[in-house]
């Protein structure tokens, strides 16, 4: 272990020394987030519960070579409210970032907010999004005026005697080739392996999601609304549990998203129809399938009605009513979310 630390330190010095001729510039930021979410319903796919937590993420760093290269570090402190100091979680942040007019690269433990696109709820549930603020791996992005592409490797669990190895790779991109037309897609490769102890009840599991889509951005073509966007496409999940068999399960369906906004108000609809996308969820839960468990239903509609009460350069404060409908159950979530961001970046 000591040899590895010395090797990493030496490699870091070799990288930094050629840049030291440039005067580094200090960067800093403070990101505060808080969410109150009351979940009520039939307790079928998702449990009734109340989530109330606050996250504080301070960060400091250095920029060199006109800001193209940056190293930064900090921590995310996630504290459930109403329980004193108990049950808090600390997530370290430490990464290198490179930025050019078209390319962006980040390596290390980096804020999830660096993603251009938030992961869809079919890939990452709200519950996990609140409690996993960082990507632990690599983020590569290509950005142009008419579109973007990004790939993120998230090594979310290190293999130990008591902890299973787990990672996922996410690909996302979209472009606006002409007019209002949108073309894009999402791919997630998810892997859950064994712990070092190799317990008899453990196996190696694979989960692959593919979701190409087309859509229309009608934001500049409607006089009544400030923004309007609709996307739709097929989605297929490939899953297998190598402990029991090597057969691939291939549930598929159609995924539709629509969002409309007028002034501070908005409505977002997500609709899925098809087979149970997570056939292994009863066995492994969110260890393997990190998306919203409602996608186990053959028909699922999620309608978010929200208002951005404050929205400016520093503060976003939103209230939302979320309606979840499946043939088996109905759930009603009420949410208040705050994000405050200050810094010199």
C-alpha atoms as a PDB file:
ATOM      1  CA  UNK A   1       0.000   0.000   0.000  1.00  0.00           C
ATOM      2  CA  UNK A   2       2.816   2.449   0.901  1.00  0.00           C
ATOM      3  CA  UNK A   3       4.513   1.739  -2.435  1.00  0.00           C
ATOM      4  CA  UNK A   4       1.294   2.503  -4.262  1.00  0.00           C
ATOM      5  CA  UNK A   5       0.874   5.815  -2.431  1.00  0.00           C
ATOM      6  CA  UNK A   6       4.468   6.800  -3.254  1.00  0.00           C
ATOM      7  CA  UNK A   7       3.940   5.846  -6.918  1.00  0.00           C
ATOM      8  CA  UNK A   8       0.750   7.914  -7.154  1.00  0.00           C
ATOM      9  CA  UNK A   9       2.415  10.907  -5.480  1.00  0.00           C
ATOM     10  CA  UNK A  10       5.402  10.695  -7.864  1.00  0.00           C
ATOM     11  CA  UNK A  11       3.136  10.475 -10.915  1.00  0.00           C
ATOM     12  CA  UNK A  12       1.150  13.480  -9.685  1.00  0.00           C
ATOM     13  CA  UNK A  13       4.336  15.532  -9.281  1.00  0.00           C
ATOM     14  CA  UNK A  14       5.445  14.643 -12.811  1.00  0.00           C
ATOM     15  CA  UNK A  15       2.119  15.914 -14.116  1.00  0.00           C
ATOM     16  CA  UNK A  16       2.009  19.067 -12.024  1.00  0.00           C
ATOM     17  CA  UNK A  17       5.609  20.264 -12.345  1.00  0.00           C
ATOM     18  CA  UNK A  18       5.359  21.159 -16.074  1.00  0.00           C
ATOM     19  CA  UNK A  19       2.296  23.240 -15.247  1.00  0.00           C
ATOM     20  CA  UNK A  20       3.878  25.079 -12.319  1.00  0.00           C
ATOM     21  CA  UNK A  21       5.252  27.832 -14.584  1.00  0.00           C
ATOM     22  CA  UNK A  22       1.690  29.036 -14.906  1.00  0.00           C
ATOM     23  CA  UNK A  23       0.352  30.896 -11.894  1.00  0.00           C
ATOM     24  CA  UNK A  24      -2.476  28.753 -10.474  1.00  0.00           C
ATOM     25  CA  UNK A  25      -5.818  30.332  -9.668  1.00  0.00           C
ATOM     26  CA  UNK A  26      -7.873  29.375  -6.657  1.00  0.00           C
ATOM     27  CA  UNK A  27     -11.421  28.130  -7.236  1.00  0.00           C
ATOM     28  CA  UNK A  28     -14.056  27.555  -4.613  1.00  0.00           C
ATOM     29  CA  UNK A  29     -17.731  26.714  -4.394  1.00  0.00           C
ATOM     30  CA  UNK A  30     -20.377  25.853  -1.837  1.00  0.00           C
ATOM     31  CA  UNK A  31     -23.333  23.744  -2.982  1.00  0.00           C
ATOM     32  CA  UNK A  32     -26.225  23.353  -0.544  1.00  0.00           C
ATOM     33  CA  UNK A  33     -29.207  21.143  -1.221  1.00  0.00           C
ATOM     34  CA  UNK A  34     -32.229  20.204   0.844  1.00  0.00           C
ATOM     35  CA  UNK A  35     -35.230  18.037   0.017  1.00  0.00           C
ATOM     36  CA  UNK A  36     -38.439  17.264   1.879  1.00  0.00           C
ATOM     37  CA  UNK A  37     -40.466  14.519   0.237  1.00  0.00           C
ATOM     38  CA  UNK A  38     -43.570  12.906   1.709  1.00  0.00           C
ATOM     39  CA  UNK A  39     -44.549   9.674  -0.063  1.00  0.00           C
ATOM     40  CA  UNK A  40     -48.055   8.324   0.375  1.00  0.00           C
ATOM     41  CA  UNK A  41     -49.816   5.591  -1.525  1.00  0.00           C
ATOM     42  CA  UNK A  42     -50.643   1.914  -1.762  1.00  0.00           C
ATOM     43  CA  UNK A  43     -47.152   0.807  -0.644  1.00  0.00           C
ATOM     44  CA  UNK A  44     -46.896  -1.707  -3.506  1.00  0.00           C
ATOM     45  CA  UNK A  45     -43.709  -0.951  -5.453  1.00  0.00           C
ATOM     46  CA  UNK A  46     -42.330   1.871  -3.280  1.00  0.00           C
ATOM     47  CA  UNK A  47     -42.731   2.135   0.507  1.00  0.00           C
ATOM     48  CA  UNK A  48     -44.625   4.981   2.095  1.00  0.00           C
ATOM     49  CA  UNK A  49     -42.046   7.178   3.793  1.00  0.00           C
ATOM     50  CA  UNK A  50     -40.918  10.713   4.445  1.00  0.00           C
ATOM     51  CA  UNK A  51     -37.479  11.819   3.257  1.00  0.00           C
ATOM     52  CA  UNK A  52     -36.054  14.985   4.778  1.00  0.00           C
ATOM     53  CA  UNK A  53     -32.336  15.579   4.374  1.00  0.00           C
ATOM     54  CA  UNK A  54     -29.828  18.358   3.755  1.00  0.00           C
ATOM     55  CA  UNK A  55     -26.583  18.157   1.789  1.00  0.00           C
ATOM     56  CA  UNK A  56     -23.645  20.553   2.108  1.00  0.00           C
ATOM     57  CA  UNK A  57     -20.856  20.257  -0.501  1.00  0.00           C
ATOM     58  CA  UNK A  58     -17.951  22.729  -0.121  1.00  0.00           C
ATOM     59  CA  UNK A  59     -15.125  22.445  -2.670  1.00  0.00           C
ATOM     60  CA  UNK A  60     -11.776  24.149  -3.281  1.00  0.00           C
ATOM     61  CA  UNK A  61      -9.419  23.756  -6.221  1.00  0.00           C
ATOM     62  CA  UNK A  62      -6.679  25.155  -8.439  1.00  0.00           C
ATOM     63  CA  UNK A  63      -6.832  26.123 -12.111  1.00  0.00           C
ATOM     64  CA  UNK A  64      -3.793  26.262 -14.391  1.00  0.00           C
ATOM     65  CA  UNK A  65      -3.111  26.935 -18.087  1.00  0.00           C
ATOM     66  CA  UNK A  66      -5.925  29.462 -18.578  1.00  0.00           C
ATOM     67  CA  UNK A  67      -8.317  27.286 -16.662  1.00  0.00           C
ATOM     68  CA  UNK A  68      -8.084  24.306 -19.004  1.00  0.00           C
ATOM     69  CA  UNK A  69      -6.795  22.076 -16.185  1.00  0.00           C
ATOM     70  CA  UNK A  70      -8.177  21.963 -12.659  1.00  0.00           C
ATOM     71  CA  UNK A  71      -7.778  19.855  -9.533  1.00  0.00           C
ATOM     72  CA  UNK A  72     -10.352  20.111  -6.747  1.00  0.00           C
ATOM     73  CA  UNK A  73     -11.359  18.479  -3.519  1.00  0.00           C
ATOM     74  CA  UNK A  74     -14.032  18.698  -0.869  1.00  0.00           C
ATOM     75  CA  UNK A  75     -16.757  16.677   0.794  1.00  0.00           C
ATOM     76  CA  UNK A  76     -20.513  16.159   0.651  1.00  0.00           C
ATOM     77  CA  UNK A  77     -22.125  15.983   4.074  1.00  0.00           C
ATOM     78  CA  UNK A  78     -25.595  14.439   3.896  1.00  0.00           C
ATOM     79  CA  UNK A  79     -27.601  14.804   7.100  1.00  0.00           C
ATOM     80  CA  UNK A  80     -31.113  13.447   7.685  1.00  0.00           C
ATOM     81  CA  UNK A  81     -33.194  16.039   9.518  1.00  0.00           C
ATOM     82  CA  UNK A  82     -34.883  15.286  12.836  1.00  0.00           C
ATOM     83  CA  UNK A  83     -32.268  12.810  14.086  1.00  0.00           C
ATOM     84  CA  UNK A  84     -29.587  15.091  15.520  1.00  0.00           C
ATOM     85  CA  UNK A  85     -26.104  14.151  14.282  1.00  0.00           C
ATOM     86  CA  UNK A  86     -26.976  10.494  13.814  1.00  0.00           C
ATOM     87  CA  UNK A  87     -27.107   8.676  10.460  1.00  0.00           C
ATOM     88  CA  UNK A  88     -25.062  11.311   8.634  1.00  0.00           C
ATOM     89  CA  UNK A  89     -23.048  10.366   5.552  1.00  0.00           C
ATOM     90  CA  UNK A  90     -19.771  11.879   4.311  1.00  0.00           C
ATOM     91  CA  UNK A  91     -18.833  11.440   0.635  1.00  0.00           C
ATOM     92  CA  UNK A  92     -15.317  12.601  -0.337  1.00  0.00           C
ATOM     93  CA  UNK A  93     -14.845  14.699  -3.482  1.00  0.00           C
ATOM     94  CA  UNK A  94     -11.438  14.678  -5.189  1.00  0.00           C
ATOM     95  CA  UNK A  95     -10.905  14.950  -8.937  1.00  0.00           C
ATOM     96  CA  UNK A  96      -8.981  16.298 -11.920  1.00  0.00           C
ATOM     97  CA  UNK A  97     -10.872  18.111 -14.689  1.00  0.00           C
ATOM     98  CA  UNK A  98      -9.906  19.216 -18.202  1.00  0.00           C
ATOM     99  CA  UNK A  99     -11.999  21.516 -20.371  1.00  0.00           C
ATOM    100  CA  UNK A 100     -11.621  22.605 -24.000  1.00  0.00           C
ATOM    101  CA  UNK A 101     -14.194  24.212 -26.318  1.00  0.00           C
ATOM    102  CA  UNK A 102     -15.523  20.764 -27.302  1.00  0.00           C
ATOM    103  CA  UNK A 103     -14.120  18.202 -24.877  1.00  0.00           C
ATOM    104  CA  UNK A 104     -14.450  17.804 -21.118  1.00  0.00           C
ATOM    105  CA  UNK A 105     -12.801  15.157 -18.949  1.00  0.00           C
ATOM    106  CA  UNK A 106     -13.021  14.512 -15.208  1.00  0.00           C
ATOM    107  CA  UNK A 107     -11.378  11.690 -13.267  1.00  0.00           C
ATOM    108  CA  UNK A 108     -11.809  10.839  -9.586  1.00  0.00           C
ATOM    109  CA  UNK A 109     -14.741  11.359  -7.223  1.00  0.00           C
ATOM    110  CA  UNK A 110     -16.666  14.152  -8.907  1.00  0.00           C
ATOM    111  CA  UNK A 111     -20.058  15.826  -8.358  1.00  0.00           C
ATOM    112  CA  UNK A 112     -22.949  14.244 -10.230  1.00  0.00           C
ATOM    113  CA  UNK A 113     -24.022  17.794 -11.168  1.00  0.00           C
ATOM    114  CA  UNK A 114     -21.222  17.783 -13.777  1.00  0.00           C
ATOM    115  CA  UNK A 115     -23.423  15.578 -15.984  1.00  0.00           C
ATOM    116  CA  UNK A 116     -25.054  17.391 -18.898  1.00  0.00           C
ATOM    117  CA  UNK A 117     -28.137  15.165 -18.599  1.00  0.00           C
ATOM    118  CA  UNK A 118     -29.545  13.938 -15.306  1.00  0.00           C
ATOM    119  CA  UNK A 119     -29.924  10.177 -15.348  1.00  0.00           C
ATOM    120  CA  UNK A 120     -33.496   9.204 -16.194  1.00  0.00           C
ATOM    121  CA  UNK A 121     -35.553   7.664 -13.371  1.00  0.00           C
ATOM    122  CA  UNK A 122     -35.484   4.357 -15.276  1.00  0.00           C
ATOM    123  CA  UNK A 123     -31.721   4.338 -14.553  1.00  0.00           C
ATOM    124  CA  UNK A 124     -31.486   6.102 -11.171  1.00  0.00           C
ATOM    125  CA  UNK A 125     -34.298   6.525  -8.667  1.00  0.00           C
ATOM    126  CA  UNK A 126     -34.923   9.727  -6.726  1.00  0.00           C
ATOM    127  CA  UNK A 127     -33.978   7.957  -3.472  1.00  0.00           C
ATOM    128  CA  UNK A 128     -30.513   7.003  -4.760  1.00  0.00           C
ATOM    129  CA  UNK A 129     -30.026  10.399  -6.414  1.00  0.00           C
ATOM    130  CA  UNK A 130     -30.476  12.140  -3.039  1.00  0.00           C
ATOM    131  CA  UNK A 131     -27.940   9.910  -1.286  1.00  0.00           C
ATOM    132  CA  UNK A 132     -25.296   9.433  -3.996  1.00  0.00           C
ATOM    133  CA  UNK A 133     -24.076  12.950  -4.908  1.00  0.00           C
ATOM    134  CA  UNK A 134     -20.859  11.814  -6.638  1.00  0.00           C
ATOM    135  CA  UNK A 135     -19.703   9.807  -9.634  1.00  0.00           C
ATOM    136  CA  UNK A 136     -16.748   7.637  -8.602  1.00  0.00           C
ATOM    137  CA  UNK A 137     -14.702   7.132 -11.731  1.00  0.00           C
ATOM    138  CA  UNK A 138     -14.476   8.896 -15.087  1.00  0.00           C
ATOM    139  CA  UNK A 139     -16.651  11.369 -17.003  1.00  0.00           C
ATOM    140  CA  UNK A 140     -15.971  12.188 -20.675  1.00  0.00           C
ATOM    141  CA  UNK A 141     -18.113  14.699 -22.590  1.00  0.00           C
ATOM    142  CA  UNK A 142     -18.222  16.079 -26.131  1.00  0.00           C
ATOM    143  CA  UNK A 143     -20.223  19.277 -26.587  1.00  0.00           C
ATOM    144  CA  UNK A 144     -21.282  21.099 -29.759  1.00  0.00           C
ATOM    145  CA  UNK A 145     -24.003  23.718 -30.405  1.00  0.00           C
ATOM    146  CA  UNK A 146     -26.320  21.136 -31.981  1.00  0.00           C
ATOM    147  CA  UNK A 147     -25.795  18.347 -29.469  1.00  0.00           C
ATOM    148  CA  UNK A 148     -23.644  16.486 -26.982  1.00  0.00           C
ATOM    149  CA  UNK A 149     -22.436  13.046 -25.961  1.00  0.00           C
ATOM    150  CA  UNK A 150     -21.195  11.852 -22.568  1.00  0.00           C
ATOM    151  CA  UNK A 151     -20.034   8.635 -20.961  1.00  0.00           C
ATOM    152  CA  UNK A 152     -19.633   8.117 -17.225  1.00  0.00           C
ATOM    153  CA  UNK A 153     -18.044   5.194 -15.384  1.00  0.00           C
ATOM    154  CA  UNK A 154     -19.309   5.032 -11.807  1.00  0.00           C
ATOM    155  CA  UNK A 155     -17.486   2.522  -9.581  1.00  0.00           C
ATOM    156  CA  UNK A 156     -20.089   2.582  -6.864  1.00  0.00           C
ATOM    157  CA  UNK A 157     -18.920  -0.284  -4.633  1.00  0.00           C
ATOM    158  CA  UNK A 158     -15.403  -1.637  -3.953  1.00  0.00           C
ATOM    159  CA  UNK A 159     -15.047  -5.380  -3.462  1.00  0.00           C
ATOM    160  CA  UNK A 160     -14.318  -6.261   0.181  1.00  0.00           C
ATOM    161  CA  UNK A 161     -15.060  -9.180   2.500  1.00  0.00           C
ATOM    162  CA  UNK A 162     -18.505  -7.761   3.262  1.00  0.00           C
ATOM    163  CA  UNK A 163     -19.181  -5.599   0.191  1.00  0.00           C
ATOM    164  CA  UNK A 164     -19.924  -6.715  -3.350  1.00  0.00           C
ATOM    165  CA  UNK A 165     -18.153  -5.161  -6.327  1.00  0.00           C
ATOM    166  CA  UNK A 166     -20.522  -2.993  -8.342  1.00  0.00           C
ATOM    167  CA  UNK A 167     -20.127  -0.483 -11.155  1.00  0.00           C
ATOM    168  CA  UNK A 168     -22.115   0.942 -14.031  1.00  0.00           C
ATOM    169  CA  UNK A 169     -21.283   2.732 -17.282  1.00  0.00           C
ATOM    170  CA  UNK A 170     -23.735   5.271 -18.675  1.00  0.00           C
ATOM    171  CA  UNK A 171     -23.815   6.587 -22.235  1.00  0.00           C
ATOM    172  CA  UNK A 172     -26.118   9.500 -23.099  1.00  0.00           C
ATOM    173  CA  UNK A 173     -26.402  11.858 -26.027  1.00  0.00           C
ATOM    174  CA  UNK A 174     -28.756  13.899 -28.116  1.00  0.00           C
ATOM    175  CA  UNK A 175     -28.621  16.166 -31.124  1.00  0.00           C
ATOM    176  CA  UNK A 176     -30.841  18.617 -32.949  1.00  0.00           C
ATOM    177  CA  UNK A 177     -30.059  17.828 -36.618  1.00  0.00           C
ATOM    178  CA  UNK A 178     -32.654  20.167 -38.112  1.00  0.00           C
ATOM    179  CA  UNK A 179     -35.621  22.267 -37.093  1.00  0.00           C
ATOM    180  CA  UNK A 180     -37.477  20.946 -34.068  1.00  0.00           C
ATOM    181  CA  UNK A 181     -36.283  17.355 -34.502  1.00  0.00           C
ATOM    182  CA  UNK A 182     -34.439  15.672 -31.609  1.00  0.00           C
ATOM    183  CA  UNK A 183     -32.520  12.395 -31.827  1.00  0.00           C
ATOM    184  CA  UNK A 184     -30.870  10.769 -28.824  1.00  0.00           C
ATOM    185  CA  UNK A 185     -30.471   7.770 -26.616  1.00  0.00           C
ATOM    186  CA  UNK A 186     -29.362   6.246 -23.329  1.00  0.00           C
ATOM    187  CA  UNK A 187     -27.384   3.083 -22.602  1.00  0.00           C
ATOM    188  CA  UNK A 188     -26.477   1.751 -19.178  1.00  0.00           C
ATOM    189  CA  UNK A 189     -24.241  -1.245 -18.495  1.00  0.00           C
ATOM    190  CA  UNK A 190     -24.632  -2.336 -14.883  1.00  0.00           C
ATOM    191  CA  UNK A 191     -22.520  -5.022 -13.191  1.00  0.00           C
ATOM    192  CA  UNK A 192     -22.891  -6.618  -9.759  1.00  0.00           C
ATOM    193  CA  UNK A 193     -20.208  -9.128  -8.740  1.00  0.00           C
ATOM    194  CA  UNK A 194     -19.341 -11.015  -5.564  1.00  0.00           C
ATOM    195  CA  UNK A 195     -17.617 -10.001  -2.356  1.00  0.00           C
ATOM    196  CA  UNK A 196     -14.150 -11.346  -1.547  1.00  0.00           C
ATOM    197  CA  UNK A 197     -15.694 -13.891   0.789  1.00  0.00           C
ATOM    198  CA  UNK A 198     -17.589 -15.374  -2.183  1.00  0.00           C
ATOM    199  CA  UNK A 199     -20.677 -16.360  -0.229  1.00  0.00           C
ATOM    200  CA  UNK A 200     -22.738 -19.231  -1.613  1.00  0.00           C
ATOM    201  CA  UNK A 201     -25.778 -16.977  -2.019  1.00  0.00           C
ATOM    202  CA  UNK A 202     -23.902 -14.591  -4.322  1.00  0.00           C
ATOM    203  CA  UNK A 203     -23.473 -14.645  -8.058  1.00  0.00           C
ATOM    204  CA  UNK A 204     -22.372 -12.357 -10.876  1.00  0.00           C
ATOM    205  CA  UNK A 205     -25.205 -10.301 -12.343  1.00  0.00           C
ATOM    206  CA  UNK A 206     -25.536  -8.195 -15.474  1.00  0.00           C
ATOM    207  CA  UNK A 207     -28.077  -5.509 -16.322  1.00  0.00           C
ATOM    208  CA  UNK A 208     -28.009  -3.630 -19.642  1.00  0.00           C
ATOM    209  CA  UNK A 209     -30.541  -0.936 -20.608  1.00  0.00           C
ATOM    210  CA  UNK A 210     -30.875   0.494 -24.138  1.00  0.00           C
ATOM    211  CA  UNK A 211     -33.236   3.390 -24.923  1.00  0.00           C
ATOM    212  CA  UNK A 212     -32.957   5.224 -28.266  1.00  0.00           C
ATOM    213  CA  UNK A 213     -35.517   7.971 -28.862  1.00  0.00           C
ATOM    214  CA  UNK A 214     -36.715  10.680 -31.209  1.00  0.00           C
ATOM    215  CA  UNK A 215     -38.610  13.793 -30.285  1.00  0.00           C
ATOM    216  CA  UNK A 216     -39.647  17.353 -30.947  1.00  0.00           C
ATOM    217  CA  UNK A 217     -38.568  20.561 -29.235  1.00  0.00           C
ATOM    218  CA  UNK A 218     -41.438  22.974 -29.834  1.00  0.00           C
ATOM    219  CA  UNK A 219     -40.287  25.642 -27.382  1.00  0.00           C
ATOM    220  CA  UNK A 220     -39.985  28.344 -30.034  1.00  0.00           C
ATOM    221  CA  UNK A 221     -43.051  27.258 -31.979  1.00  0.00           C
ATOM    222  CA  UNK A 222     -45.819  27.820 -29.441  1.00  0.00           C
ATOM    223  CA  UNK A 223     -47.207  31.148 -28.305  1.00  0.00           C
ATOM    224  CA  UNK A 224     -48.898  29.768 -25.196  1.00  0.00           C
ATOM    225  CA  UNK A 225     -45.957  28.006 -23.536  1.00  0.00           C
ATOM    226  CA  UNK A 226     -42.380  28.987 -22.749  1.00  0.00           C
ATOM    227  CA  UNK A 227     -41.117  25.468 -23.484  1.00  0.00           C
ATOM    228  CA  UNK A 228     -42.520  22.219 -24.832  1.00  0.00           C
ATOM    229  CA  UNK A 229     -40.603  19.005 -25.531  1.00  0.00           C
ATOM    230  CA  UNK A 230     -41.703  15.452 -26.314  1.00  0.00           C
ATOM    231  CA  UNK A 231     -39.514  12.359 -26.772  1.00  0.00           C
ATOM    232  CA  UNK A 232     -40.439   8.701 -27.306  1.00  0.00           C
ATOM    233  CA  UNK A 233     -38.654   5.472 -28.101  1.00  0.00           C
ATOM    234  CA  UNK A 234     -38.302   1.759 -27.388  1.00  0.00           C
ATOM    235  CA  UNK A 235     -36.521   0.546 -24.269  1.00  0.00           C
ATOM    236  CA  UNK A 236     -35.105  -2.909 -23.646  1.00  0.00           C
ATOM    237  CA  UNK A 237     -33.480  -4.365 -20.542  1.00  0.00           C
ATOM    238  CA  UNK A 238     -31.151  -7.371 -20.699  1.00  0.00           C
ATOM    239  CA  UNK A 239     -30.623  -9.131 -17.370  1.00  0.00           C
ATOM    240  CA  UNK A 240     -29.053 -12.365 -16.223  1.00  0.00           C
ATOM    241  CA  UNK A 241     -28.149 -13.991 -12.928  1.00  0.00           C
ATOM    242  CA  UNK A 242     -25.144 -16.255 -13.473  1.00  0.00           C
ATOM    243  CA  UNK A 243     -25.595 -17.959 -10.099  1.00  0.00           C
ATOM    244  CA  UNK A 244     -28.797 -19.653 -11.250  1.00  0.00           C
ATOM    245  CA  UNK A 245     -28.502 -19.696 -15.034  1.00  0.00           C
ATOM    246  CA  UNK A 246     -26.893 -17.881 -17.933  1.00  0.00           C
ATOM    247  CA  UNK A 247     -30.157 -17.145 -19.740  1.00  0.00           C
ATOM    248  CA  UNK A 248     -30.775 -13.526 -20.666  1.00  0.00           C
ATOM    249  CA  UNK A 249     -34.122 -12.002 -19.703  1.00  0.00           C
ATOM    250  CA  UNK A 250     -35.105  -9.361 -22.287  1.00  0.00           C
ATOM    251  CA  UNK A 251     -38.145  -7.322 -21.185  1.00  0.00           C
ATOM    252  CA  UNK A 252     -38.974  -4.400 -23.455  1.00  0.00           C
ATOM    253  CA  UNK A 253     -41.478  -1.617 -23.884  1.00  0.00           C
ATOM    254  CA  UNK A 254     -42.004   2.007 -24.904  1.00  0.00           C
ATOM    255  CA  UNK A 255     -40.852   5.042 -22.907  1.00  0.00           C
ATOM    256  CA  UNK A 256     -42.370   8.500 -23.487  1.00  0.00           C
ATOM    257  CA  UNK A 257     -41.370  11.795 -21.829  1.00  0.00           C
ATOM    258  CA  UNK A 258     -43.096  15.164 -22.218  1.00  0.00           C
ATOM    259  CA  UNK A 259     -42.456  18.446 -20.427  1.00  0.00           C
ATOM    260  CA  UNK A 260     -44.239  21.800 -20.752  1.00  0.00           C
ATOM    261  CA  UNK A 261     -43.484  25.028 -18.873  1.00  0.00           C
ATOM    262  CA  UNK A 262     -45.207  28.395 -18.558  1.00  0.00           C
ATOM    263  CA  UNK A 263     -43.591  31.060 -16.430  1.00  0.00           C
ATOM    264  CA  UNK A 264     -42.841  29.468 -13.034  1.00  0.00           C
ATOM    265  CA  UNK A 265     -45.148  26.478 -13.603  1.00  0.00           C
ATOM    266  CA  UNK A 266     -44.422  23.188 -15.306  1.00  0.00           C
ATOM    267  CA  UNK A 267     -45.747  19.705 -15.863  1.00  0.00           C
ATOM    268  CA  UNK A 268     -43.711  16.636 -16.749  1.00  0.00           C
ATOM    269  CA  UNK A 269     -45.125  13.270 -17.800  1.00  0.00           C
ATOM    270  CA  UNK A 270     -43.195  10.009 -17.980  1.00  0.00           C
ATOM    271  CA  UNK A 271     -45.103   7.049 -19.405  1.00  0.00           C
ATOM    272  CA  UNK A 272     -43.952   3.443 -19.742  1.00  0.00           C
ATOM    273  CA  UNK A 273     -45.826   0.506 -21.297  1.00  0.00           C
ATOM    274  CA  UNK A 274     -44.387  -2.981 -21.742  1.00  0.00           C
ATOM    275  CA  UNK A 275     -43.081  -5.891 -19.691  1.00  0.00           C
ATOM    276  CA  UNK A 276     -41.550  -5.794 -16.209  1.00  0.00           C
ATOM    277  CA  UNK A 277     -38.198  -4.059 -16.844  1.00  0.00           C
ATOM    278  CA  UNK A 278     -36.636  -5.367 -13.615  1.00  0.00           C
ATOM    279  CA  UNK A 279     -37.315  -9.117 -13.397  1.00  0.00           C
ATOM    280  CA  UNK A 280     -34.463  -9.567 -10.877  1.00  0.00           C
ATOM    281  CA  UNK A 281     -35.556  -6.707  -8.599  1.00  0.00           C
ATOM    282  CA  UNK A 282     -37.306  -8.985  -6.044  1.00  0.00           C
ATOM    283  CA  UNK A 283     -33.997 -10.824  -5.634  1.00  0.00           C
ATOM    284  CA  UNK A 284     -31.435  -7.983  -5.590  1.00  0.00           C
ATOM    285  CA  UNK A 285     -33.360  -4.714  -5.352  1.00  0.00           C
ATOM    286  CA  UNK A 286     -31.413  -1.493  -5.896  1.00  0.00           C
ATOM    287  CA  UNK A 287     -28.073  -3.340  -5.747  1.00  0.00           C
ATOM    288  CA  UNK A 288     -28.697  -4.289  -9.375  1.00  0.00           C
ATOM    289  CA  UNK A 289     -31.664  -2.237 -10.644  1.00  0.00           C
ATOM    290  CA  UNK A 290     -31.056   1.344  -9.510  1.00  0.00           C
ATOM    291  CA  UNK A 291     -34.064   2.848 -11.278  1.00  0.00           C
ATOM    292  CA  UNK A 292     -37.491   3.564  -9.815  1.00  0.00           C
ATOM    293  CA  UNK A 293     -39.080   0.245  -8.745  1.00  0.00           C
ATOM    294  CA  UNK A 294     -42.355   1.295 -10.419  1.00  0.00           C
ATOM    295  CA  UNK A 295     -40.847   0.170 -13.740  1.00  0.00           C
ATOM    296  CA  UNK A 296     -41.647  -3.363 -12.641  1.00  0.00           C
ATOM    297  CA  UNK A 297     -45.215  -2.548 -13.686  1.00  0.00           C
ATOM    298  CA  UNK A 298     -46.463  -3.232 -17.200  1.00  0.00           C
ATOM    299  CA  UNK A 299     -48.036   0.223 -17.262  1.00  0.00           C
ATOM    300  CA  UNK A 300     -46.576   3.157 -15.341  1.00  0.00           C
ATOM    301  CA  UNK A 301     -47.411   6.857 -15.463  1.00  0.00           C
ATOM    302  CA  UNK A 302     -45.572   9.513 -13.452  1.00  0.00           C
ATOM    303  CA  UNK A 303     -46.912  13.063 -13.592  1.00  0.00           C
ATOM    304  CA  UNK A 304     -44.966  15.874 -11.913  1.00  0.00           C
ATOM    305  CA  UNK A 305     -46.724  19.216 -11.461  1.00  0.00           C
ATOM    306  CA  UNK A 306     -44.237  21.783 -10.187  1.00  0.00           C
ATOM    307  CA  UNK A 307     -43.582  25.453  -9.568  1.00  0.00           C
ATOM    308  CA  UNK A 308     -40.159  27.097  -9.519  1.00  0.00           C
ATOM    309  CA  UNK A 309     -40.768  29.588  -6.739  1.00  0.00           C
ATOM    310  CA  UNK A 310     -37.247  31.040  -6.973  1.00  0.00           C
ATOM    311  CA  UNK A 311     -34.876  30.420  -9.847  1.00  0.00           C
ATOM    312  CA  UNK A 312     -31.821  32.566 -10.464  1.00  0.00           C
ATOM    313  CA  UNK A 313     -28.039  32.334 -10.680  1.00  0.00           C
ATOM    314  CA  UNK A 314     -27.660  31.276  -7.054  1.00  0.00           C
ATOM    315  CA  UNK A 315     -30.931  29.749  -5.831  1.00  0.00           C
ATOM    316  CA  UNK A 316     -33.416  27.181  -7.130  1.00  0.00           C
ATOM    317  CA  UNK A 317     -36.457  26.560  -4.934  1.00  0.00           C
ATOM    318  CA  UNK A 318     -39.134  24.233  -6.280  1.00  0.00           C
ATOM    319  CA  UNK A 319     -42.374  22.716  -5.005  1.00  0.00           C
ATOM    320  CA  UNK A 320     -43.785  19.644  -6.723  1.00  0.00           C
ATOM    321  CA  UNK A 321     -46.742  17.261  -6.611  1.00  0.00           C
ATOM    322  CA  UNK A 322     -45.913  13.852  -8.113  1.00  0.00           C
ATOM    323  CA  UNK A 323     -48.583  11.323  -9.093  1.00  0.00           C
ATOM    324  CA  UNK A 324     -47.497   7.701  -9.686  1.00  0.00           C
ATOM    325  CA  UNK A 325     -50.020   5.380 -11.307  1.00  0.00           C
ATOM    326  CA  UNK A 326     -49.766   1.671 -12.098  1.00  0.00           C
ATOM    327  CA  UNK A 327     -52.502  -0.926 -12.489  1.00  0.00           C
ATOM    328  CA  UNK A 328     -51.545  -2.312  -9.077  1.00  0.00           C
ATOM    329  CA  UNK A 329     -51.149   0.892  -7.065  1.00  0.00           C
ATOM    330  CA  UNK A 330     -51.383   4.666  -6.845  1.00  0.00           C
ATOM    331  CA  UNK A 331     -48.931   6.924  -4.988  1.00  0.00           C
ATOM    332  CA  UNK A 332     -48.926  10.643  -4.284  1.00  0.00           C
ATOM    333  CA  UNK A 333     -45.655  12.391  -3.399  1.00  0.00           C
ATOM    334  CA  UNK A 334     -45.304  15.972  -2.192  1.00  0.00           C
ATOM    335  CA  UNK A 335     -41.844  17.477  -2.540  1.00  0.00           C
ATOM    336  CA  UNK A 336     -40.044  20.718  -1.702  1.00  0.00           C
ATOM    337  CA  UNK A 337     -36.487  21.005  -3.019  1.00  0.00           C
ATOM    338  CA  UNK A 338     -33.900  23.738  -2.532  1.00  0.00           C
ATOM    339  CA  UNK A 339     -30.482  24.201  -4.076  1.00  0.00           C
ATOM    340  CA  UNK A 340     -28.126  27.106  -3.328  1.00  0.00           C
ATOM    341  CA  UNK A 341     -24.865  27.427  -5.252  1.00  0.00           C
ATOM    342  CA  UNK A 342     -22.192  30.088  -4.770  1.00  0.00           C
ATOM    343  CA  UNK A 343     -18.609  30.155  -5.995  1.00  0.00           C
ATOM    344  CA  UNK A 344     -16.113  31.793  -8.334  1.00  0.00           C
ATOM    345  CA  UNK A 345     -16.460  29.254 -11.184  1.00  0.00           C
END
